[in-house]
Structures are given as structure tokens and as C-alpha cells.
Amino acid sequence: MCDATGTATATVQIDNERVRVTEWRFAQRGQNTGWHRHDFDYVVVPLFDGVLEIDTGGAERIHAEVQNGVPYYRPLGAEHDVISANDFECAFIEIELLEDAQAASSGA
């Protein structure tokens, strides 16, 4: 899980040497993950249809439309704060890929 201090609730569901799976739950519009940087590649699986606002530190926020069950991938190094833009409770699953890809392919 990222070292973030936002208002959304993060619940780690799996944490081992290969992956960390965290549910991020936003009880209401405006709740956020807190500003953070991803140290690993990761996949997000939204559990709702709606919009997330992504603050990347620039003057504008990106509005990302997401669909329930449709995953997206981001490489390590992403820096942002994720904010709910929905008038309902929503959540997503974040899967961080902790294992080094090169080590995994070599069987190390």
C-alpha cells in the first residue's frame, strides 16, 4: 500500500513477496487516497461505474471514467492523489506487483 494520508479507507487484503492487494473505499464524494508515489507497477480494478479525479500536481485534475470490473495498468513512479467524484460510495482494488519482473522470468 502507498504511504498516503487521505480520507479514503485502505484495507490490505493480500500482502506477500509477490503482490499487495488493497481495497480503497470512498464513502462519499471528495474522499481521497492522499498524495503518493507508486514504487511498483500496479493494476486497478474498479468496483463501480463512475468517475475518479486524479490530481497529478498540475493546475488541472484529470477526470477518469471507470467501469466496474474493467482493469487498468500503470507503471511504477506514478505520483498522484485519487479523489472520488461520485455521489455514492465506491471502491477499487489496487494490485501492486512487488516481484521484480526480470527475476520472475528467470525463475530466481
Protein backbone atom coordinates (compact mmCIF):
# COMPACT_ATOMS: atom_id res chain seq x y z
CA MET A 1 0.00 0.00 0.00
CA CYS A 2 1.20 3.50 -0.66
CA ASP A 3 2.23 5.75 2.21
CA ALA A 4 -0.70 8.10 1.79
CA THR A 5 -2.72 10.03 4.36
CA GLY A 6 -6.04 10.65 2.67
CA THR A 7 -9.63 10.24 3.82
CA ALA A 8 -10.45 7.06 1.85
CA THR A 9 -10.20 3.74 3.69
CA ALA A 10 -7.42 1.38 2.60
CA THR A 11 -7.76 -2.28 3.53
CA VAL A 12 -4.87 -4.59 2.65
CA GLN A 13 -6.31 -7.94 1.59
CA ILE A 14 -3.15 -9.77 0.48
CA ASP A 15 0.48 -8.86 1.21
CA ASN A 16 3.25 -11.30 0.33
CA GLU A 17 6.58 -11.30 -1.51
CA ARG A 18 4.90 -11.12 -4.94
CA VAL A 19 1.79 -8.91 -4.66
CA ARG A 20 -0.02 -6.49 -2.39
CA VAL A 21 -3.78 -6.21 -2.89
CA THR A 22 -5.53 -3.25 -1.31
CA GLU A 23 -9.17 -2.22 -1.40
CA TRP A 24 -9.60 1.57 -1.48
CA ARG A 25 -13.09 2.62 -0.33
CA PHE A 26 -14.54 6.12 -0.69
CA ALA A 27 -17.64 6.66 1.48
CA GLN A 28 -18.55 9.96 -0.17
CA ARG A 29 -17.62 12.47 -2.87
CA GLY A 30 -14.32 14.23 -2.22
CA GLN A 31 -12.66 11.49 -0.20
CA ASN A 32 -9.14 10.81 -1.40
CA THR A 33 -6.20 8.44 -1.19
CA GLY A 34 -3.76 11.21 -0.28
CA TRP A 35 -0.77 12.28 -2.34
CA HIS A 36 1.53 9.32 -3.03
CA ARG A 37 4.09 7.79 -5.39
CA HIS A 38 3.89 4.20 -6.59
CA ASP A 39 7.10 2.22 -6.05
CA PHE A 40 5.82 -0.73 -8.08
CA ASP A 41 3.86 -1.39 -11.28
CA TYR A 42 0.20 -1.82 -10.42
CA VAL A 43 -3.24 -2.74 -11.72
CA VAL A 44 -6.50 -1.13 -10.57
CA VAL A 45 -9.86 -2.90 -10.82
CA PRO A 46 -12.80 -0.51 -10.25
CA LEU A 47 -15.79 -1.94 -8.37
CA PHE A 48 -18.20 0.66 -9.77
CA ASP A 49 -19.12 2.69 -12.83
CA GLY A 50 -18.24 6.33 -12.29
CA VAL A 51 -15.52 8.96 -12.23
CA LEU A 52 -12.28 9.38 -10.33
CA GLU A 53 -10.46 12.70 -10.23
CA ILE A 54 -6.70 12.36 -10.47
CA ASP A 55 -4.58 15.20 -9.08
CA THR A 56 -1.13 14.92 -10.68
CA GLY A 57 0.19 18.11 -9.17
CA GLY A 58 -0.65 20.31 -12.13
CA ALA A 59 -3.21 23.08 -12.35
CA GLU A 60 -5.97 20.72 -13.55
CA ARG A 61 -7.39 17.46 -12.28
CA ILE A 62 -7.86 14.60 -14.72
CA HIS A 63 -11.37 13.11 -14.78
CA ALA A 64 -11.06 9.37 -15.40
CA GLU A 65 -14.23 7.47 -16.24
CA VAL A 66 -14.02 3.92 -14.92
CA GLN A 67 -16.17 0.84 -15.43
CA ASN A 68 -16.95 -1.87 -12.94
CA GLY A 69 -14.53 -4.77 -13.43
CA VAL A 70 -12.52 -3.15 -16.25
CA PRO A 71 -8.90 -3.01 -15.04
CA TYR A 72 -6.19 -0.55 -15.95
CA TYR A 73 -2.40 -0.75 -15.55
CA ARG A 74 0.12 1.92 -14.55
CA PRO A 75 3.92 1.67 -14.27
CA LEU A 76 5.90 2.43 -11.14
CA GLY A 77 6.67 6.07 -10.49
CA ALA A 78 3.14 7.39 -10.88
CA GLU A 79 2.56 10.29 -8.45
CA HIS A 80 -0.95 11.46 -7.69
CA ASP A 81 -3.89 11.82 -5.34
CA VAL A 82 -7.06 9.93 -6.32
CA ILE A 83 -10.35 11.61 -5.38
CA SER A 84 -13.92 10.29 -5.65
CA ALA A 85 -16.10 12.39 -7.95
CA ASN A 86 -19.20 10.29 -7.24
CA ASP A 87 -22.31 10.93 -5.15
CA PHE A 88 -22.26 7.33 -3.90
CA GLU A 89 -19.91 5.04 -2.02
CA CYS A 90 -17.39 3.46 -4.35
CA ALA A 91 -14.24 1.36 -4.22
CA PHE A 92 -11.45 -0.12 -6.30
CA ILE A 93 -8.93 -2.89 -5.86
CA GLU A 94 -5.27 -1.97 -6.32
CA ILE A 95 -2.85 -4.80 -7.10
CA GLU A 96 0.82 -3.88 -6.70
CA LEU A 97 3.29 -6.18 -8.47
CA LEU A 98 6.08 -6.44 -5.89
CA GLU A 99 8.19 -9.09 -7.55
CA ASP A 100 10.91 -7.99 -9.94
CA ALA A 101 9.72 -8.96 -13.46
CA GLN A 102 13.21 -10.00 -14.57
CA ALA A 103 13.67 -12.26 -11.52
CA ALA A 104 10.26 -13.81 -12.11
CA SER A 105 11.03 -14.65 -15.76
CA SER A 106 14.40 -16.19 -14.88
CA GLY A 107 12.91 -18.33 -12.13
CA ALA A 108 15.04 -16.67 -9.44
